[in-house]
């Protein structure tokens, strides 16, 4: 079955009767949109409708399926046999087409849902990356770095068997008992530090191959060990 050939034949049969799509659709009790889709090959009618079309246009159903008129001198028995075979093949091919269309619809729905999920997931990831995170880090100062021009101070902290670098911001709140020890760069000072950062800050540093430096906004002495 050639869909385009059949659709062209349907269009030809309608024009032979001098009918517009609207007129033919009204007589066939279908919408003009449905008839237009049959005549363009966008869809094909079911077997029952195809039989009604063959009766309406006064053609054999095989001629409708083949999209062309057959030889008038063909043996009637052969005509009947070929018509039955054409109907069987049409039904089988239409069923296959329906299955393909159903699979395509499911695939489209899946892709749409996947796109919606991806959109919201990406938005959630972005939100998590930009979310401000904060908390206390407690550990022993193991290294002092030279002071920056803006007055900030980098410290390496031994925190739970993991060393991190923090940067005491210029406007950080520093406990009265901590500042002189930091200025003197005393060893073995345990501090409790409030750090604030985002995951994006960490990823940006990792992407550059750098060690992330945690901004510190409060520093207090926890205890002193000698």
C-alpha atoms as a PDB file:
ATOM      1  CA  UNK A   1       0.000   0.000   0.000  1.00  0.00           C
ATOM      2  CA  UNK A   2       1.341   3.384  -1.066  1.00  0.00           C
ATOM      3  CA  UNK A   3      -0.230   5.981   1.193  1.00  0.00           C
ATOM      4  CA  UNK A   4       0.549   8.960  -1.030  1.00  0.00           C
ATOM      5  CA  UNK A   5      -0.820   7.172  -4.094  1.00  0.00           C
ATOM      6  CA  UNK A   6      -4.053   6.293  -2.291  1.00  0.00           C
ATOM      7  CA  UNK A   7      -4.459   9.826  -0.934  1.00  0.00           C
ATOM      8  CA  UNK A   8      -3.922  11.303  -4.413  1.00  0.00           C
ATOM      9  CA  UNK A   9      -6.544   8.906  -5.812  1.00  0.00           C
ATOM     10  CA  UNK A  10      -9.057   9.956  -3.162  1.00  0.00           C
ATOM     11  CA  UNK A  11      -8.465  13.576  -4.104  1.00  0.00           C
ATOM     12  CA  UNK A  12      -8.862  12.732  -7.798  1.00  0.00           C
ATOM     13  CA  UNK A  13     -12.149  10.875  -7.189  1.00  0.00           C
ATOM     14  CA  UNK A  14     -13.584  13.825  -5.262  1.00  0.00           C
ATOM     15  CA  UNK A  15     -12.663  16.271  -7.995  1.00  0.00           C
ATOM     16  CA  UNK A  16     -14.160  13.980 -10.637  1.00  0.00           C
ATOM     17  CA  UNK A  17     -17.489  14.430  -8.848  1.00  0.00           C
ATOM     18  CA  UNK A  18     -16.978  18.182  -8.769  1.00  0.00           C
ATOM     19  CA  UNK A  19     -17.042  18.401  -4.981  1.00  0.00           C
ATOM     20  CA  UNK A  20     -15.129  20.560  -2.552  1.00  0.00           C
ATOM     21  CA  UNK A  21     -13.621  18.981   0.539  1.00  0.00           C
ATOM     22  CA  UNK A  22     -16.365  20.564   2.630  1.00  0.00           C
ATOM     23  CA  UNK A  23     -19.129  19.141   0.410  1.00  0.00           C
ATOM     24  CA  UNK A  24     -17.635  15.639   0.288  1.00  0.00           C
ATOM     25  CA  UNK A  25     -16.954  15.656   4.036  1.00  0.00           C
ATOM     26  CA  UNK A  26     -20.575  16.609   4.736  1.00  0.00           C
ATOM     27  CA  UNK A  27     -21.891  13.749   2.602  1.00  0.00           C
ATOM     28  CA  UNK A  28     -19.462  11.297   4.222  1.00  0.00           C
ATOM     29  CA  UNK A  29     -20.373  12.541   7.716  1.00  0.00           C
ATOM     30  CA  UNK A  30     -16.778  13.435   8.599  1.00  0.00           C
ATOM     31  CA  UNK A  31     -15.041  16.737   9.220  1.00  0.00           C
ATOM     32  CA  UNK A  32     -13.333  18.531   6.339  1.00  0.00           C
ATOM     33  CA  UNK A  33     -10.126  18.373   8.397  1.00  0.00           C
ATOM     34  CA  UNK A  34     -10.342  14.561   8.525  1.00  0.00           C
ATOM     35  CA  UNK A  35     -10.958  14.354   4.774  1.00  0.00           C
ATOM     36  CA  UNK A  36      -8.053  16.715   4.130  1.00  0.00           C
ATOM     37  CA  UNK A  37      -5.737  14.490   6.198  1.00  0.00           C
ATOM     38  CA  UNK A  38      -6.826  11.445   4.144  1.00  0.00           C
ATOM     39  CA  UNK A  39      -6.180  13.298   0.897  1.00  0.00           C
ATOM     40  CA  UNK A  40      -2.728  14.474   1.973  1.00  0.00           C
ATOM     41  CA  UNK A  41      -1.641  11.118   3.394  1.00  0.00           C
ATOM     42  CA  UNK A  42      -1.247  12.477   6.913  1.00  0.00           C
ATOM     43  CA  UNK A  43      -3.570   9.712   8.122  1.00  0.00           C
ATOM     44  CA  UNK A  44      -5.349   6.775   6.504  1.00  0.00           C
ATOM     45  CA  UNK A  45      -8.976   5.729   7.128  1.00  0.00           C
ATOM     46  CA  UNK A  46      -9.819   2.546   8.974  1.00  0.00           C
ATOM     47  CA  UNK A  47     -11.056  -0.458   7.012  1.00  0.00           C
ATOM     48  CA  UNK A  48     -14.739   0.189   7.662  1.00  0.00           C
ATOM     49  CA  UNK A  49     -14.414   3.816   6.520  1.00  0.00           C
ATOM     50  CA  UNK A  50     -12.394   2.729   3.493  1.00  0.00           C
ATOM     51  CA  UNK A  51     -15.256   0.463   2.423  1.00  0.00           C
ATOM     52  CA  UNK A  52     -17.674   3.384   2.766  1.00  0.00           C
ATOM     53  CA  UNK A  53     -15.377   5.540   0.648  1.00  0.00           C
ATOM     54  CA  UNK A  54     -15.195   2.854  -2.041  1.00  0.00           C
ATOM     55  CA  UNK A  55     -18.990   2.659  -2.092  1.00  0.00           C
ATOM     56  CA  UNK A  56     -19.327   6.447  -2.121  1.00  0.00           C
ATOM     57  CA  UNK A  57     -16.917   6.928  -5.042  1.00  0.00           C
ATOM     58  CA  UNK A  58     -18.233   3.838  -6.869  1.00  0.00           C
ATOM     59  CA  UNK A  59     -14.860   2.069  -7.078  1.00  0.00           C
ATOM     60  CA  UNK A  60     -13.567  -1.296  -5.950  1.00  0.00           C
ATOM     61  CA  UNK A  61     -11.861  -1.251  -2.583  1.00  0.00           C
ATOM     62  CA  UNK A  62      -8.672  -2.665  -4.125  1.00  0.00           C
ATOM     63  CA  UNK A  63      -8.591   0.253  -6.559  1.00  0.00           C
ATOM     64  CA  UNK A  64      -8.844   2.603  -3.582  1.00  0.00           C
ATOM     65  CA  UNK A  65      -6.041   0.804  -1.756  1.00  0.00           C
ATOM     66  CA  UNK A  66      -3.820   0.638  -4.864  1.00  0.00           C
ATOM     67  CA  UNK A  67      -4.583   4.262  -5.732  1.00  0.00           C
ATOM     68  CA  UNK A  68      -5.448   3.493  -9.354  1.00  0.00           C
ATOM     69  CA  UNK A  69      -8.153   1.938 -11.508  1.00  0.00           C
ATOM     70  CA  UNK A  70      -7.609  -1.634 -12.664  1.00  0.00           C
ATOM     71  CA  UNK A  71      -8.100  -3.192 -16.054  1.00  0.00           C
ATOM     72  CA  UNK A  72     -11.830  -3.599 -16.866  1.00  0.00           C
ATOM     73  CA  UNK A  73     -11.356  -7.006 -18.522  1.00  0.00           C
ATOM     74  CA  UNK A  74      -9.872  -8.650 -15.418  1.00  0.00           C
ATOM     75  CA  UNK A  75     -11.540 -11.938 -14.455  1.00  0.00           C
ATOM     76  CA  UNK A  76     -14.258 -11.353 -11.768  1.00  0.00           C
ATOM     77  CA  UNK A  77     -13.048 -14.288  -9.660  1.00  0.00           C
ATOM     78  CA  UNK A  78      -9.514 -12.929  -9.770  1.00  0.00           C
ATOM     79  CA  UNK A  79     -10.858  -9.463  -8.953  1.00  0.00           C
ATOM     80  CA  UNK A  80     -12.652 -10.776  -5.872  1.00  0.00           C
ATOM     81  CA  UNK A  81      -9.615 -12.724  -4.709  1.00  0.00           C
ATOM     82  CA  UNK A  82      -7.274  -9.794  -5.196  1.00  0.00           C
ATOM     83  CA  UNK A  83      -9.710  -7.468  -3.407  1.00  0.00           C
ATOM     84  CA  UNK A  84      -9.858  -9.791  -0.388  1.00  0.00           C
ATOM     85  CA  UNK A  85      -6.076 -10.013  -0.345  1.00  0.00           C
ATOM     86  CA  UNK A  86      -5.770  -6.218  -0.615  1.00  0.00           C
ATOM     87  CA  UNK A  87      -8.198  -5.755   2.293  1.00  0.00           C
ATOM     88  CA  UNK A  88      -6.236  -8.205   4.441  1.00  0.00           C
ATOM     89  CA  UNK A  89      -2.949  -6.497   3.658  1.00  0.00           C
ATOM     90  CA  UNK A  90      -4.463  -3.060   4.264  1.00  0.00           C
ATOM     91  CA  UNK A  91      -5.740  -4.097   7.678  1.00  0.00           C
ATOM     92  CA  UNK A  92      -2.352  -5.566   8.598  1.00  0.00           C
ATOM     93  CA  UNK A  93      -0.391  -2.513   7.431  1.00  0.00           C
ATOM     94  CA  UNK A  94      -2.797  -0.092   9.097  1.00  0.00           C
ATOM     95  CA  UNK A  95      -2.401  -1.988  12.365  1.00  0.00           C
ATOM     96  CA  UNK A  96       1.385  -1.757  12.061  1.00  0.00           C
ATOM     97  CA  UNK A  97       1.110   1.953  11.316  1.00  0.00           C
ATOM     98  CA  UNK A  98      -1.152   2.428  14.343  1.00  0.00           C
ATOM     99  CA  UNK A  99       1.400   0.650  16.534  1.00  0.00           C
ATOM    100  CA  UNK A 100       4.196   2.856  15.179  1.00  0.00           C
ATOM    101  CA  UNK A 101       2.131   5.974  15.814  1.00  0.00           C
ATOM    102  CA  UNK A 102       1.351   4.804  19.349  1.00  0.00           C
ATOM    103  CA  UNK A 103       5.047   4.157  20.008  1.00  0.00           C
ATOM    104  CA  UNK A 104       5.876   7.587  18.579  1.00  0.00           C
ATOM    105  CA  UNK A 105       3.307   9.249  20.837  1.00  0.00           C
ATOM    106  CA  UNK A 106       4.715   7.447  23.870  1.00  0.00           C
ATOM    107  CA  UNK A 107       8.223   8.493  22.853  1.00  0.00           C
ATOM    108  CA  UNK A 108       7.142  12.127  22.462  1.00  0.00           C
ATOM    109  CA  UNK A 109       5.464  12.080  25.883  1.00  0.00           C
ATOM    110  CA  UNK A 110       8.590  10.519  27.380  1.00  0.00           C
ATOM    111  CA  UNK A 111      10.826  13.166  25.798  1.00  0.00           C
ATOM    112  CA  UNK A 112       8.549  15.958  27.020  1.00  0.00           C
ATOM    113  CA  UNK A 113       8.524  14.559  30.562  1.00  0.00           C
ATOM    114  CA  UNK A 114      12.290  14.026  30.428  1.00  0.00           C
ATOM    115  CA  UNK A 115      12.718  17.626  29.292  1.00  0.00           C
ATOM    116  CA  UNK A 116      10.520  18.904  32.133  1.00  0.00           C
ATOM    117  CA  UNK A 117      12.440  16.795  34.650  1.00  0.00           C
ATOM    118  CA  UNK A 118      15.779  17.991  33.257  1.00  0.00           C
ATOM    119  CA  UNK A 119      14.621  21.628  33.456  1.00  0.00           C
ATOM    120  CA  UNK A 120      13.592  21.384  37.098  1.00  0.00           C
ATOM    121  CA  UNK A 121      16.631  19.258  37.970  1.00  0.00           C
ATOM    122  CA  UNK A 122      19.001  21.788  36.393  1.00  0.00           C
ATOM    123  CA  UNK A 123      17.215  24.584  38.226  1.00  0.00           C
ATOM    124  CA  UNK A 124      17.587  22.656  41.495  1.00  0.00           C
ATOM    125  CA  UNK A 125      21.288  22.023  40.839  1.00  0.00           C
ATOM    126  CA  UNK A 126      21.836  25.715  40.100  1.00  0.00           C
ATOM    127  CA  UNK A 127      19.984  26.609  43.295  1.00  0.00           C
ATOM    128  CA  UNK A 128      22.168  24.201  45.283  1.00  0.00           C
ATOM    129  CA  UNK A 129      25.324  25.603  43.677  1.00  0.00           C
ATOM    130  CA  UNK A 130      24.378  29.171  44.566  1.00  0.00           C
ATOM    131  CA  UNK A 131      22.955  28.407  48.009  1.00  0.00           C
ATOM    132  CA  UNK A 132      24.885  30.153  50.759  1.00  0.00           C
ATOM    133  CA  UNK A 133      26.329  27.612  53.183  1.00  0.00           C
ATOM    134  CA  UNK A 134      27.739  28.350  56.569  1.00  0.00           C
ATOM    135  CA  UNK A 135      28.926  26.605  59.690  1.00  0.00           C
ATOM    136  CA  UNK A 136      31.580  26.375  62.344  1.00  0.00           C
ATOM    137  CA  UNK A 137      34.934  24.733  61.652  1.00  0.00           C
ATOM    138  CA  UNK A 138      37.035  23.812  64.672  1.00  0.00           C
ATOM    139  CA  UNK A 139      40.700  22.908  64.501  1.00  0.00           C
ATOM    140  CA  UNK A 140      44.299  23.727  65.271  1.00  0.00           C
ATOM    141  CA  UNK A 141      46.219  26.374  63.364  1.00  0.00           C
ATOM    142  CA  UNK A 142      49.182  24.624  61.711  1.00  0.00           C
ATOM    143  CA  UNK A 143      50.371  27.369  59.365  1.00  0.00           C
ATOM    144  CA  UNK A 144      50.211  31.150  59.035  1.00  0.00           C
ATOM    145  CA  UNK A 145      50.397  32.887  55.674  1.00  0.00           C
ATOM    146  CA  UNK A 146      51.617  36.459  55.152  1.00  0.00           C
ATOM    147  CA  UNK A 147      48.933  39.059  55.615  1.00  0.00           C
ATOM    148  CA  UNK A 148      47.210  40.328  52.494  1.00  0.00           C
ATOM    149  CA  UNK A 149      47.215  43.990  51.476  1.00  0.00           C
ATOM    150  CA  UNK A 150      43.583  44.337  52.544  1.00  0.00           C
ATOM    151  CA  UNK A 151      44.460  43.119  56.045  1.00  0.00           C
ATOM    152  CA  UNK A 152      43.023  39.617  55.644  1.00  0.00           C
ATOM    153  CA  UNK A 153      44.948  36.622  56.981  1.00  0.00           C
ATOM    154  CA  UNK A 154      45.156  33.103  55.582  1.00  0.00           C
ATOM    155  CA  UNK A 155      45.474  30.219  58.029  1.00  0.00           C
ATOM    156  CA  UNK A 156      45.856  26.484  57.503  1.00  0.00           C
ATOM    157  CA  UNK A 157      43.681  24.566  59.944  1.00  0.00           C
ATOM    158  CA  UNK A 158      44.009  20.920  60.934  1.00  0.00           C
ATOM    159  CA  UNK A 159      40.343  19.926  61.200  1.00  0.00           C
ATOM    160  CA  UNK A 160      39.463  16.309  61.967  1.00  0.00           C
ATOM    161  CA  UNK A 161      42.559  14.898  60.237  1.00  0.00           C
ATOM    162  CA  UNK A 162      41.878  17.123  57.231  1.00  0.00           C
ATOM    163  CA  UNK A 163      43.654  20.363  56.545  1.00  0.00           C
ATOM    164  CA  UNK A 164      41.777  23.310  55.094  1.00  0.00           C
ATOM    165  CA  UNK A 165      42.817  26.878  54.368  1.00  0.00           C
ATOM    166  CA  UNK A 166      40.653  29.693  55.667  1.00  0.00           C
ATOM    167  CA  UNK A 167      40.927  33.401  55.021  1.00  0.00           C
ATOM    168  CA  UNK A 168      40.057  35.627  57.937  1.00  0.00           C
ATOM    169  CA  UNK A 169      38.228  38.477  56.220  1.00  0.00           C
ATOM    170  CA  UNK A 170      39.244  42.093  57.003  1.00  0.00           C
ATOM    171  CA  UNK A 171      35.874  42.779  58.672  1.00  0.00           C
ATOM    172  CA  UNK A 172      35.748  39.448  60.511  1.00  0.00           C
ATOM    173  CA  UNK A 173      34.781  39.411  64.163  1.00  0.00           C
ATOM    174  CA  UNK A 174      37.822  38.210  66.118  1.00  0.00           C
ATOM    175  CA  UNK A 175      37.692  37.341  69.794  1.00  0.00           C
ATOM    176  CA  UNK A 176      39.724  39.502  72.187  1.00  0.00           C
ATOM    177  CA  UNK A 177      41.760  36.488  73.239  1.00  0.00           C
ATOM    178  CA  UNK A 178      42.438  35.447  69.640  1.00  0.00           C
ATOM    179  CA  UNK A 179      43.738  38.573  67.933  1.00  0.00           C
ATOM    180  CA  UNK A 180      47.038  38.878  69.851  1.00  0.00           C
ATOM    181  CA  UNK A 181      47.740  35.195  69.262  1.00  0.00           C
ATOM    182  CA  UNK A 182      47.101  35.512  65.544  1.00  0.00           C
ATOM    183  CA  UNK A 183      49.308  38.604  65.384  1.00  0.00           C
ATOM    184  CA  UNK A 184      52.055  36.694  67.209  1.00  0.00           C
ATOM    185  CA  UNK A 185      51.410  33.645  64.991  1.00  0.00           C
ATOM    186  CA  UNK A 186      51.360  31.312  67.963  1.00  0.00           C
ATOM    187  CA  UNK A 187      51.536  27.596  67.281  1.00  0.00           C
ATOM    188  CA  UNK A 188      49.039  25.063  68.639  1.00  0.00           C
ATOM    189  CA  UNK A 189      46.156  27.498  68.953  1.00  0.00           C
ATOM    190  CA  UNK A 190      42.769  25.853  68.595  1.00  0.00           C
ATOM    191  CA  UNK A 191      40.131  28.079  67.068  1.00  0.00           C
ATOM    192  CA  UNK A 192      36.445  27.933  66.304  1.00  0.00           C
ATOM    193  CA  UNK A 193      35.719  29.649  62.981  1.00  0.00           C
ATOM    194  CA  UNK A 194      32.495  30.589  61.217  1.00  0.00           C
ATOM    195  CA  UNK A 195      32.897  30.044  57.484  1.00  0.00           C
ATOM    196  CA  UNK A 196      30.456  30.931  54.682  1.00  0.00           C
ATOM    197  CA  UNK A 197      30.644  29.731  51.060  1.00  0.00           C
ATOM    198  CA  UNK A 198      28.744  28.198  48.128  1.00  0.00           C
ATOM    199  CA  UNK A 199      29.309  24.984  46.212  1.00  0.00           C
ATOM    200  CA  UNK A 200      29.882  27.058  43.090  1.00  0.00           C
ATOM    201  CA  UNK A 201      32.855  28.731  44.818  1.00  0.00           C
ATOM    202  CA  UNK A 202      34.377  25.320  45.542  1.00  0.00           C
ATOM    203  CA  UNK A 203      33.752  23.998  42.003  1.00  0.00           C
ATOM    204  CA  UNK A 204      35.243  27.150  40.490  1.00  0.00           C
ATOM    205  CA  UNK A 205      38.457  26.691  42.486  1.00  0.00           C
ATOM    206  CA  UNK A 206      38.637  22.963  41.677  1.00  0.00           C
ATOM    207  CA  UNK A 207      38.151  23.710  37.975  1.00  0.00           C
ATOM    208  CA  UNK A 208      41.205  25.969  38.096  1.00  0.00           C
ATOM    209  CA  UNK A 209      43.162  23.320  39.983  1.00  0.00           C
ATOM    210  CA  UNK A 210      43.367  25.539  43.048  1.00  0.00           C
ATOM    211  CA  UNK A 211      42.813  24.777  46.712  1.00  0.00           C
ATOM    212  CA  UNK A 212      39.606  26.404  47.874  1.00  0.00           C
ATOM    213  CA  UNK A 213      40.048  28.999  50.600  1.00  0.00           C
ATOM    214  CA  UNK A 214      37.096  29.232  53.008  1.00  0.00           C
ATOM    215  CA  UNK A 215      36.101  32.820  53.922  1.00  0.00           C
ATOM    216  CA  UNK A 216      36.022  33.220  57.726  1.00  0.00           C
ATOM    217  CA  UNK A 217      33.813  35.849  59.341  1.00  0.00           C
ATOM    218  CA  UNK A 218      34.171  34.967  63.048  1.00  0.00           C
ATOM    219  CA  UNK A 219      37.154  33.512  64.908  1.00  0.00           C
ATOM    220  CA  UNK A 220      37.169  32.453  68.555  1.00  0.00           C
ATOM    221  CA  UNK A 221      39.699  30.614  70.681  1.00  0.00           C
ATOM    222  CA  UNK A 222      38.594  27.189  71.752  1.00  0.00           C
ATOM    223  CA  UNK A 223      41.586  26.165  73.809  1.00  0.00           C
ATOM    224  CA  UNK A 224      45.377  26.397  73.756  1.00  0.00           C
ATOM    225  CA  UNK A 225      47.653  23.379  73.549  1.00  0.00           C
ATOM    226  CA  UNK A 226      51.400  23.468  74.179  1.00  0.00           C
END
